[in-house]
Structure formats: structure tokens, C-alpha cells
Amino acid sequence: MSCVICFSSLLNSTDPASAISACGHVFHTDCLRKTASQPTITRAVCPICRKEYNFPTSLMRIFFPAPPIDDEERQLRMENERMQERIVDLEVRMKRLEKDNEEAEKRIKKLNVEKFYLENEHAEVVKERNELKERYEKPAEEKVEEKEEKEPPKEYFKRSFSVRLRRVFKSKKVNPS
């Protein structure tokens, strides 16, 4: 059994193998990663049947019996496998965080637009309030000034009234006492 991407054996290889859960075809995990990460590919597809899948979430790890190897080499290979798994996990997490980041940026743009409109509306309300304040404060001040000008002192009325009375009495030749 060999990988159709790199044509090397899946059984004798120390590279981790994965099956695509959508169709069940088996490849080296690194080979699938390389094909899925090419800039010209927008959606990952199986190299055999062209069925679409989500890289790396749709992959299932396949384990084959390993040929006997010495302990040091085995430890290095196991460490390599753990690192490969960690890379896959981090790639999944990174894609999730990128999606969350995109959603957050969209929300920030929406909130900035809303803030802009609210600031403009606030400025218009303040301007209208100031105009109304000026409109109603000026007539009140003018009325007070007009009252002060029109309203002569009370002494003036007393004096003018007594002068008018004298004139009336003089014209009629009547003595006020």
C-alpha cells in the first residue's frame, strides 16, 4: 500500500498516515498538508476521488504495525509524531482563531459606524438645543428690558395724576378742598 501523492510506502514509512473521513482514502499526513496548503487550492479535495473535505478536521489518523527499530530511533520518531500531531492541533486552533478574529473585526466596523452616526446625532441635538436656548433667552431678556423702559416709576404717576386733577379743577373753577 502506497501513498498516491508521493508514491512511497505507507506500511514501511515512519511518516504518520491519515485517512480522509469523507471517502476513506489513505495518504501521508504531510502529503495531504502540502496539497491542501497550496495557494492555488481553495478547498481541499481527495487526490483519488476529488471529494471535498476540511483539512485537518476531516482526517483520521491511521496506525500500521511498525517494523522493529532501535530505542533511540523509535523515541525520535515518536517525538516527531507527537510534534506532527501538535502541528495539526495548532493549525485547527489557528483557523478557529482566525475565524473569530474576522467576526470580531466585522463587529468592530459595525460598532464604529454606529458610533459615527450617534456622534453626529448628538452634535445635531446639542446644536438644536443651543439654538432653542438662544431663541428663548433673548426674548425674555428683551421683555424685561422693555418692561423696565415702559414702566415709569410710580411717583411719576402720582405726580402726573395730581397735575391732571389740578388742571381739571382749574378749568371748572372748583376748589379741591
N, C-alpha and C. Protein backbone atom coordinates (compact mmCIF):
# COMPACT_ATOMS: atom_id res chain seq x y z
N MET A 1 0.85 -1.17 0.00
CA MET A 1 0.00 0.00 0.00
C MET A 1 0.90 1.23 0.00
N SER A 2 0.64 2.15 -0.94
CA SER A 2 1.49 3.34 -1.04
C SER A 2 0.64 4.60 -1.15
N CYS A 3 1.27 5.68 -0.84
CA CYS A 3 0.62 7.00 -0.92
C CYS A 3 0.63 7.42 -2.39
N VAL A 4 -0.54 7.80 -2.94
CA VAL A 4 -0.60 8.16 -4.36
C VAL A 4 -0.07 9.57 -4.61
N ILE A 5 0.22 10.30 -3.57
CA ILE A 5 0.78 11.66 -3.76
C ILE A 5 2.29 11.58 -3.93
N CYS A 6 2.97 10.88 -2.99
CA CYS A 6 4.44 10.80 -3.06
C CYS A 6 4.94 9.44 -3.55
N PHE A 7 4.04 8.47 -3.72
CA PHE A 7 4.33 7.12 -4.21
C PHE A 7 5.25 6.31 -3.30
N SER A 8 5.41 6.72 -2.05
CA SER A 8 6.21 5.91 -1.13
C SER A 8 5.28 5.04 -0.30
N SER A 9 5.84 4.01 0.29
CA SER A 9 5.05 3.02 1.02
C SER A 9 4.47 3.63 2.30
N LEU A 10 3.22 3.29 2.57
CA LEU A 10 2.60 3.72 3.82
C LEU A 10 2.95 2.78 4.96
N LEU A 11 3.20 1.50 4.64
CA LEU A 11 3.45 0.49 5.67
C LEU A 11 4.86 0.57 6.23
N ASN A 12 5.84 0.77 5.39
CA ASN A 12 7.24 0.80 5.83
C ASN A 12 7.70 2.19 6.23
N SER A 13 6.90 3.16 5.98
CA SER A 13 7.29 4.54 6.26
C SER A 13 7.07 4.87 7.74
N THR A 14 7.89 5.76 8.23
CA THR A 14 7.71 6.23 9.62
C THR A 14 6.87 7.49 9.66
N ASP A 15 6.54 8.02 8.51
CA ASP A 15 5.70 9.21 8.46
C ASP A 15 4.28 8.82 8.85
N PRO A 16 3.60 9.67 9.61
CA PRO A 16 2.23 9.35 10.02
C PRO A 16 1.29 9.33 8.80
N ALA A 17 0.33 8.43 8.84
CA ALA A 17 -0.65 8.31 7.76
C ALA A 17 -2.02 8.73 8.28
N SER A 18 -2.84 9.27 7.36
CA SER A 18 -4.19 9.71 7.73
C SER A 18 -5.15 9.30 6.64
N ALA A 19 -6.37 9.03 7.04
CA ALA A 19 -7.44 8.71 6.10
C ALA A 19 -8.41 9.88 6.08
N ILE A 20 -8.93 10.18 4.90
CA ILE A 20 -9.94 11.23 4.78
C ILE A 20 -11.27 10.62 5.19
N SER A 21 -11.92 11.21 6.17
CA SER A 21 -13.14 10.61 6.71
C SER A 21 -14.29 10.62 5.70
N ALA A 22 -14.28 11.51 4.73
CA ALA A 22 -15.37 11.58 3.75
C ALA A 22 -15.36 10.39 2.79
N CYS A 23 -14.15 9.91 2.42
CA CYS A 23 -14.09 8.83 1.44
C CYS A 23 -13.30 7.61 1.91
N GLY A 24 -12.43 7.77 2.90
CA GLY A 24 -11.67 6.64 3.42
C GLY A 24 -10.33 6.40 2.75
N HIS A 25 -9.93 7.20 1.77
CA HIS A 25 -8.63 7.02 1.13
C HIS A 25 -7.51 7.43 2.08
N VAL A 26 -6.38 6.71 2.01
CA VAL A 26 -5.29 6.89 2.97
C VAL A 26 -4.08 7.49 2.26
N PHE A 27 -3.45 8.47 2.96
CA PHE A 27 -2.27 9.17 2.45
C PHE A 27 -1.37 9.51 3.62
N HIS A 28 -0.15 9.95 3.31
CA HIS A 28 0.70 10.51 4.37
C HIS A 28 0.08 11.84 4.81
N THR A 29 0.13 12.10 6.10
CA THR A 29 -0.43 13.35 6.63
C THR A 29 0.31 14.55 6.06
N ASP A 30 1.62 14.45 5.95
CA ASP A 30 2.41 15.55 5.39
C ASP A 30 2.06 15.81 3.93
N CYS A 31 1.81 14.75 3.19
CA CYS A 31 1.44 14.91 1.77
C CYS A 31 0.10 15.66 1.65
N LEU A 32 -0.86 15.28 2.48
CA LEU A 32 -2.15 15.98 2.45
C LEU A 32 -1.99 17.44 2.86
N ARG A 33 -1.14 17.69 3.86
CA ARG A 33 -0.91 19.06 4.32
C ARG A 33 -0.32 19.91 3.18
N LYS A 34 0.65 19.34 2.48
CA LYS A 34 1.29 20.08 1.39
C LYS A 34 0.29 20.39 0.27
N THR A 35 -0.54 19.43 -0.09
CA THR A 35 -1.50 19.67 -1.17
C THR A 35 -2.60 20.64 -0.74
N ALA A 36 -3.03 20.55 0.52
CA ALA A 36 -4.11 21.43 0.99
C ALA A 36 -3.64 22.85 1.21
N SER A 37 -2.34 23.03 1.45
CA SER A 37 -1.84 24.38 1.75
C SER A 37 -1.31 25.11 0.52
N GLN A 38 -1.45 24.53 -0.66
CA GLN A 38 -1.01 25.21 -1.87
C GLN A 38 -1.88 26.45 -2.09
N PRO A 39 -1.27 27.56 -2.51
CA PRO A 39 -2.04 28.81 -2.66
C PRO A 39 -3.10 28.75 -3.76
N THR A 40 -2.94 27.86 -4.72
CA THR A 40 -3.92 27.79 -5.82
C THR A 40 -5.16 26.99 -5.44
N ILE A 41 -5.08 26.22 -4.35
CA ILE A 41 -6.21 25.38 -3.94
C ILE A 41 -7.05 26.14 -2.93
N THR A 42 -8.33 26.30 -3.26
CA THR A 42 -9.24 27.00 -2.35
C THR A 42 -9.95 26.04 -1.40
N ARG A 43 -10.15 24.81 -1.82
CA ARG A 43 -10.86 23.81 -0.99
C ARG A 43 -10.12 22.49 -1.14
N ALA A 44 -9.87 21.81 -0.02
CA ALA A 44 -9.14 20.54 -0.05
C ALA A 44 -10.03 19.44 -0.65
N VAL A 45 -9.46 18.67 -1.58
CA VAL A 45 -10.18 17.55 -2.20
C VAL A 45 -9.30 16.32 -2.18
N CYS A 46 -9.93 15.16 -2.13
CA CYS A 46 -9.21 13.89 -2.15
C CYS A 46 -8.50 13.75 -3.50
N PRO A 47 -7.19 13.40 -3.52
CA PRO A 47 -6.47 13.26 -4.79
C PRO A 47 -6.98 12.10 -5.65
N ILE A 48 -7.69 11.15 -5.06
CA ILE A 48 -8.18 10.00 -5.82
C ILE A 48 -9.58 10.25 -6.36
N CYS A 49 -10.54 10.57 -5.47
CA CYS A 49 -11.93 10.68 -5.92
C CYS A 49 -12.44 12.12 -6.02
N ARG A 50 -11.64 13.10 -5.66
CA ARG A 50 -11.98 14.53 -5.74
C ARG A 50 -13.14 14.93 -4.82
N LYS A 51 -13.36 14.17 -3.77
CA LYS A 51 -14.40 14.51 -2.80
C LYS A 51 -13.83 15.58 -1.86
N GLU A 52 -14.61 16.61 -1.58
CA GLU A 52 -14.14 17.70 -0.72
C GLU A 52 -14.11 17.26 0.73
N TYR A 53 -13.14 17.82 1.48
CA TYR A 53 -13.03 17.57 2.92
C TYR A 53 -12.41 18.79 3.58
N ASN A 54 -12.57 18.89 4.89
CA ASN A 54 -11.98 20.00 5.65
C ASN A 54 -10.65 19.55 6.24
N PHE A 55 -9.59 20.23 5.82
CA PHE A 55 -8.28 19.90 6.37
C PHE A 55 -8.06 20.74 7.61
N PRO A 56 -7.60 20.24 8.68
CA PRO A 56 -7.25 18.89 9.08
C PRO A 56 -8.34 18.21 9.89
N THR A 57 -9.51 18.85 10.03
CA THR A 57 -10.55 18.29 10.91
C THR A 57 -11.16 17.00 10.36
N SER A 58 -11.13 16.79 9.05
CA SER A 58 -11.75 15.59 8.46
C SER A 58 -10.77 14.42 8.32
N LEU A 59 -9.61 14.52 8.91
CA LEU A 59 -8.62 13.44 8.80
C LEU A 59 -8.70 12.52 10.01
N MET A 60 -8.51 11.23 9.74
CA MET A 60 -8.44 10.24 10.82
C MET A 60 -7.04 9.63 10.77
N ARG A 61 -6.40 9.58 11.89
CA ARG A 61 -5.04 9.04 11.97
C ARG A 61 -5.08 7.52 11.81
N ILE A 62 -4.20 6.99 10.99
CA ILE A 62 -4.12 5.55 10.74
C ILE A 62 -2.77 5.05 11.29
N PHE A 63 -2.82 3.95 12.02
CA PHE A 63 -1.60 3.38 12.58
C PHE A 63 -1.38 1.99 11.97
N PHE A 64 -0.17 1.79 11.45
CA PHE A 64 0.23 0.49 10.89
C PHE A 64 1.25 -0.13 11.83
N PRO A 65 1.34 -1.45 11.83
CA PRO A 65 2.37 -2.07 12.67
C PRO A 65 3.75 -1.63 12.19
N ALA A 66 4.55 -1.20 13.14
CA ALA A 66 5.88 -0.68 12.79
C ALA A 66 6.91 -1.80 12.77
N PRO A 67 7.86 -1.70 11.85
CA PRO A 67 8.94 -2.68 11.85
C PRO A 67 9.81 -2.47 13.09
N PRO A 68 10.48 -3.49 13.54
CA PRO A 68 11.32 -3.32 14.74
C PRO A 68 12.46 -2.34 14.48
N ILE A 69 12.63 -1.42 15.38
CA ILE A 69 13.70 -0.42 15.28
C ILE A 69 14.31 -0.23 16.66
N ASP A 70 15.48 0.35 16.70
CA ASP A 70 16.14 0.54 17.99
C ASP A 70 15.45 1.63 18.81
N ASP A 71 15.73 1.69 20.07
CA ASP A 71 15.04 2.58 21.00
C ASP A 71 15.25 4.06 20.70
N GLU A 72 16.46 4.45 20.38
CA GLU A 72 16.73 5.87 20.14
C GLU A 72 15.97 6.36 18.91
N GLU A 73 16.04 5.58 17.85
CA GLU A 73 15.32 5.96 16.63
C GLU A 73 13.81 5.97 16.89
N ARG A 74 13.36 5.00 17.63
CA ARG A 74 11.93 4.92 17.96
C ARG A 74 11.48 6.14 18.77
N GLN A 75 12.30 6.52 19.73
CA GLN A 75 11.95 7.70 20.53
C GLN A 75 11.90 8.96 19.66
N LEU A 76 12.86 9.09 18.78
CA LEU A 76 12.87 10.26 17.89
C LEU A 76 11.64 10.27 16.99
N ARG A 77 11.28 9.10 16.48
CA ARG A 77 10.11 9.02 15.61
C ARG A 77 8.82 9.31 16.39
N MET A 78 8.75 8.79 17.60
CA MET A 78 7.57 9.07 18.42
C MET A 78 7.48 10.57 18.74
N GLU A 79 8.62 11.17 19.04
CA GLU A 79 8.65 12.62 19.29
C GLU A 79 8.21 13.38 18.03
N ASN A 80 8.69 12.90 16.89
CA ASN A 80 8.30 13.52 15.62
C ASN A 80 6.79 13.40 15.41
N GLU A 81 6.23 12.23 15.69
CA GLU A 81 4.79 12.03 15.54
C GLU A 81 4.00 12.96 16.47
N ARG A 82 4.49 13.06 17.72
CA ARG A 82 3.81 13.96 18.66
C ARG A 82 3.86 15.40 18.17
N MET A 83 4.99 15.78 17.63
CA MET A 83 5.12 17.14 17.10
C MET A 83 4.19 17.35 15.89
N GLN A 84 4.10 16.33 15.04
CA GLN A 84 3.20 16.43 13.89
C GLN A 84 1.75 16.58 14.35
N GLU A 85 1.37 15.79 15.34
CA GLU A 85 0.02 15.91 15.89
C GLU A 85 -0.21 17.29 16.50
N ARG A 86 0.80 17.78 17.18
CA ARG A 86 0.71 19.12 17.78
C ARG A 86 0.53 20.18 16.69
N ILE A 87 1.25 20.00 15.59
CA ILE A 87 1.12 20.95 14.47
C ILE A 87 -0.31 20.94 13.94
N VAL A 88 -0.86 19.75 13.76
CA VAL A 88 -2.24 19.64 13.26
C VAL A 88 -3.20 20.31 14.24
N ASP A 89 -3.03 20.04 15.54
CA ASP A 89 -3.90 20.67 16.55
C ASP A 89 -3.79 22.19 16.53
N LEU A 90 -2.56 22.67 16.40
CA LEU A 90 -2.35 24.12 16.37
C LEU A 90 -2.93 24.75 15.11
N GLU A 91 -2.85 24.02 13.99
CA GLU A 91 -3.45 24.53 12.75
C GLU A 91 -4.96 24.66 12.89
N VAL A 92 -5.58 23.66 13.51
CA VAL A 92 -7.03 23.72 13.74
C VAL A 92 -7.37 24.92 14.63
N ARG A 93 -6.61 25.07 15.69
CA ARG A 93 -6.85 26.20 16.62
C ARG A 93 -6.63 27.54 15.93
N MET A 94 -5.58 27.62 15.09
CA MET A 94 -5.29 28.86 14.38
C MET A 94 -6.43 29.23 13.43
N LYS A 95 -6.97 28.24 12.73
CA LYS A 95 -8.08 28.52 11.82
C LYS A 95 -9.30 29.01 12.58
N ARG A 96 -9.56 28.40 13.75
CA ARG A 96 -10.69 28.82 14.57
C ARG A 96 -10.48 30.25 15.07
N LEU A 97 -9.25 30.57 15.50
CA LEU A 97 -8.97 31.92 15.98
C LEU A 97 -9.04 32.96 14.85
N GLU A 98 -8.61 32.57 13.65
CA GLU A 98 -8.72 33.48 12.51
C GLU A 98 -10.18 33.79 12.21
N LYS A 99 -11.02 32.77 12.29
CA LYS A 99 -12.45 32.98 12.06
C LYS A 99 -13.03 33.90 13.13
N ASP A 100 -12.67 33.66 14.39
CA ASP A 100 -13.14 34.52 15.48
C ASP A 100 -12.65 35.96 15.28
N ASN A 101 -11.42 36.09 14.82
CA ASN A 101 -10.85 37.41 14.58
C ASN A 101 -11.61 38.15 13.48
N GLU A 102 -11.93 37.45 12.41
CA GLU A 102 -12.70 38.06 11.32
C GLU A 102 -14.06 38.54 11.81
N GLU A 103 -14.73 37.71 12.61
CA GLU A 103 -16.03 38.10 13.15
C GLU A 103 -15.91 39.31 14.07
N ALA A 104 -14.85 39.34 14.87
CA ALA A 104 -14.63 40.47 15.78
C ALA A 104 -14.36 41.75 14.98
N GLU A 105 -13.59 41.65 13.90
CA GLU A 105 -13.31 42.83 13.07
C GLU A 105 -14.59 43.34 12.42
N LYS A 106 -15.45 42.44 11.96
CA LYS A 106 -16.72 42.87 11.38
C LYS A 106 -17.57 43.59 12.41
N ARG A 107 -17.59 43.06 13.63
CA ARG A 107 -18.37 43.68 14.70
C ARG A 107 -17.80 45.05 15.06
N ILE A 108 -16.47 45.17 15.07
CA ILE A 108 -15.84 46.45 15.37
C ILE A 108 -16.21 47.48 14.31
N LYS A 109 -16.18 47.08 13.04
CA LYS A 109 -16.56 48.00 11.96
C LYS A 109 -18.01 48.45 12.12
N LYS A 110 -18.89 47.51 12.44
CA LYS A 110 -20.30 47.83 12.63
C LYS A 110 -20.48 48.81 13.79
N LEU A 111 -19.77 48.55 14.89
CA LEU A 111 -19.88 49.44 16.05
C LEU A 111 -19.29 50.83 15.76
N ASN A 112 -18.22 50.89 14.96
CA ASN A 112 -17.65 52.19 14.60
C ASN A 112 -18.62 53.00 13.76
N VAL A 113 -19.32 52.34 12.85
CA VAL A 113 -20.33 53.03 12.03
C VAL A 113 -21.45 53.54 12.93
N GLU A 114 -21.90 52.70 13.84
CA GLU A 114 -22.96 53.11 14.76
C GLU A 114 -22.50 54.27 15.64
N LYS A 115 -21.26 54.23 16.09
CA LYS A 115 -20.69 55.32 16.90
C LYS A 115 -20.67 56.62 16.10
N PHE A 116 -20.28 56.53 14.83
CA PHE A 116 -20.24 57.71 13.97
C PHE A 116 -21.62 58.36 13.86
N TYR A 117 -22.63 57.54 13.60
CA TYR A 117 -23.99 58.07 13.47
C TYR A 117 -24.49 58.65 14.79
N LEU A 118 -24.18 58.00 15.89
CA LEU A 118 -24.62 58.51 17.19
C LEU A 118 -23.93 59.82 17.54
N GLU A 119 -22.65 59.94 17.21
CA GLU A 119 -21.94 61.19 17.46
C GLU A 119 -22.53 62.33 16.63
N ASN A 120 -22.86 62.05 15.37
CA ASN A 120 -23.47 63.08 14.52
C ASN A 120 -24.84 63.48 15.06
N GLU A 121 -25.61 62.50 15.47
CA GLU A 121 -26.94 62.78 16.02
C GLU A 121 -26.81 63.59 17.30
N HIS A 122 -25.83 63.26 18.14
CA HIS A 122 -25.60 64.01 19.38
C HIS A 122 -25.23 65.46 19.06
N ALA A 123 -24.36 65.66 18.08
CA ALA A 123 -23.95 67.01 17.70
C ALA A 123 -25.16 67.82 17.21
N GLU A 124 -26.03 67.19 16.43
CA GLU A 124 -27.22 67.88 15.94
C GLU A 124 -28.16 68.24 17.09
N VAL A 125 -28.32 67.36 18.04
CA VAL A 125 -29.20 67.63 19.19
C VAL A 125 -28.63 68.78 20.03
N VAL A 126 -27.33 68.78 20.24
CA VAL A 126 -26.71 69.87 21.01
C VAL A 126 -26.86 71.20 20.28
N LYS A 127 -26.67 71.18 18.97
CA LYS A 127 -26.82 72.40 18.18
C LYS A 127 -28.26 72.91 18.26
N GLU A 128 -29.22 72.03 18.12
CA GLU A 128 -30.62 72.41 18.19
C GLU A 128 -30.96 72.95 19.58
N ARG A 129 -30.45 72.30 20.61
CA ARG A 129 -30.69 72.76 21.98
C ARG A 129 -30.15 74.18 22.18
N ASN A 130 -28.93 74.43 21.68
CA ASN A 130 -28.33 75.76 21.82
C ASN A 130 -29.13 76.81 21.06
N GLU A 131 -29.61 76.46 19.88
CA GLU A 131 -30.42 77.40 19.11
C GLU A 131 -31.71 77.73 19.85
N LEU A 132 -32.37 76.71 20.38
CA LEU A 132 -33.60 76.95 21.13
C LEU A 132 -33.33 77.76 22.39
N LYS A 133 -32.23 77.50 23.03
CA LYS A 133 -31.87 78.23 24.24
C LYS A 133 -31.67 79.71 23.91
N GLU A 134 -30.95 79.97 22.83
CA GLU A 134 -30.73 81.36 22.42
C GLU A 134 -32.04 82.04 22.03
N ARG A 135 -32.88 81.33 21.33
CA ARG A 135 -34.15 81.89 20.87
C ARG A 135 -35.05 82.27 22.05
N TYR A 136 -35.09 81.44 23.07
CA TYR A 136 -35.99 81.70 24.18
C TYR A 136 -35.37 82.58 25.26
N GLU A 137 -34.09 82.65 25.35
CA GLU A 137 -33.46 83.51 26.34
C GLU A 137 -33.46 84.97 25.87
N LYS A 138 -33.25 85.25 24.61
CA LYS A 138 -33.22 86.63 24.10
C LYS A 138 -34.57 87.32 24.25
N PRO A 139 -35.68 86.73 23.86
CA PRO A 139 -36.96 87.44 24.05
C PRO A 139 -37.26 87.71 25.52
N ALA A 140 -36.88 86.80 26.38
CA ALA A 140 -37.14 87.03 27.81
C ALA A 140 -36.32 88.22 28.30
N GLU A 141 -35.07 88.31 27.87
CA GLU A 141 -34.24 89.45 28.26
C GLU A 141 -34.80 90.74 27.67
N GLU A 142 -35.25 90.70 26.41
CA GLU A 142 -35.80 91.89 25.78
C GLU A 142 -37.09 92.33 26.47
N LYS A 143 -37.93 91.41 26.88
CA LYS A 143 -39.17 91.75 27.57
C LYS A 143 -38.86 92.43 28.90
N VAL A 144 -37.88 91.92 29.60
CA VAL A 144 -37.50 92.54 30.87
C VAL A 144 -37.03 93.96 30.62
N GLU A 145 -36.21 94.14 29.57
CA GLU A 145 -35.72 95.48 29.25
C GLU A 145 -36.87 96.39 28.83
N GLU A 146 -37.82 95.87 28.03
CA GLU A 146 -38.95 96.66 27.60
C GLU A 146 -39.82 97.06 28.79
N LYS A 147 -40.03 96.15 29.73
CA LYS A 147 -40.82 96.47 30.91
C LYS A 147 -40.15 97.58 31.70
N GLU A 148 -38.83 97.47 31.80
CA GLU A 148 -38.11 98.50 32.54
C GLU A 148 -38.24 99.85 31.85
N GLU A 149 -38.21 99.86 30.51
CA GLU A 149 -38.33 101.11 29.77
C GLU A 149 -39.77 101.63 29.79
N LYS A 150 -40.75 100.79 29.63
CA LYS A 150 -42.14 101.21 29.55
C LYS A 150 -42.71 101.55 30.92
N GLU A 151 -42.25 100.91 31.92
CA GLU A 151 -42.82 101.10 33.24
C GLU A 151 -42.12 102.27 33.94
N PRO A 152 -42.75 103.42 33.91
CA PRO A 152 -42.13 104.55 34.61
C PRO A 152 -42.32 104.38 36.11
N PRO A 153 -41.60 105.10 36.88
CA PRO A 153 -41.73 104.97 38.32
C PRO A 153 -43.11 105.39 38.80
N LYS A 154 -43.55 104.88 39.94
CA LYS A 154 -44.87 105.14 40.48
C LYS A 154 -45.03 106.60 40.89
N GLU A 155 -43.96 107.21 41.28
CA GLU A 155 -44.01 108.63 41.65
C GLU A 155 -44.46 109.49 40.48
N TYR A 156 -44.00 109.08 39.28
CA TYR A 156 -44.40 109.82 38.09
C TYR A 156 -45.91 109.81 37.94
N PHE A 157 -46.54 108.63 38.15
CA PHE A 157 -47.98 108.53 38.02
C PHE A 157 -48.69 109.39 39.06
N LYS A 158 -48.20 109.39 40.28
CA LYS A 158 -48.80 110.19 41.33
C LYS A 158 -48.74 111.65 40.96
N ARG A 159 -47.60 112.10 40.54
CA ARG A 159 -47.41 113.50 40.21
C ARG A 159 -48.26 113.89 39.01
N SER A 160 -48.23 113.04 37.98
CA SER A 160 -49.00 113.39 36.79
C SER A 160 -50.50 113.38 37.09
N PHE A 161 -50.93 112.46 37.95
CA PHE A 161 -52.34 112.42 38.31
C PHE A 161 -52.75 113.69 39.06
N SER A 162 -51.93 114.09 39.98
CA SER A 162 -52.25 115.31 40.74
C SER A 162 -52.23 116.53 39.83
N VAL A 163 -51.32 116.56 38.88
CA VAL A 163 -51.27 117.68 37.94
C VAL A 163 -52.53 117.69 37.10
N ARG A 164 -52.98 116.54 36.67
CA ARG A 164 -54.19 116.47 35.86
C ARG A 164 -55.41 116.90 36.68
N LEU A 165 -55.43 116.50 37.91
CA LEU A 165 -56.55 116.90 38.76
C LEU A 165 -56.59 118.42 38.93
N ARG A 166 -55.47 119.01 39.15
CA ARG A 166 -55.41 120.47 39.29
C ARG A 166 -55.91 121.15 38.03
N ARG A 167 -55.51 120.61 36.91
CA ARG A 167 -55.94 121.22 35.65
C ARG A 167 -57.46 121.12 35.51
N VAL A 168 -57.97 119.96 35.87
CA VAL A 168 -59.42 119.77 35.76
C VAL A 168 -60.13 120.77 36.68
N PHE A 169 -59.64 120.88 37.88
CA PHE A 169 -60.27 121.79 38.83
C PHE A 169 -60.15 123.25 38.39
N LYS A 170 -59.02 123.62 37.81
CA LYS A 170 -58.84 124.98 37.36
C LYS A 170 -59.78 125.28 36.21
N SER A 171 -59.92 124.31 35.31
CA SER A 171 -60.79 124.54 34.17
C SER A 171 -62.24 124.69 34.61
N LYS A 172 -62.64 124.04 35.66
CA LYS A 172 -64.00 124.10 36.15
C LYS A 172 -64.14 125.12 37.27
N LYS A 173 -63.07 125.63 37.66
CA LYS A 173 -63.02 126.62 38.71
C LYS A 173 -63.58 126.06 39.99
N VAL A 174 -63.20 124.88 40.28
CA VAL A 174 -63.66 124.23 41.51
C VAL A 174 -62.48 124.14 42.44
N ASN A 175 -62.80 124.37 43.71
CA ASN A 175 -61.76 124.32 44.69
C ASN A 175 -61.69 122.90 45.24
N PRO A 176 -60.54 122.28 45.28
CA PRO A 176 -60.45 120.90 45.69
C PRO A 176 -60.73 120.70 47.18
N SER A 177 -60.69 121.62 47.96
CA SER A 177 -60.88 121.40 49.37
C SER A 177 -62.29 121.44 49.72
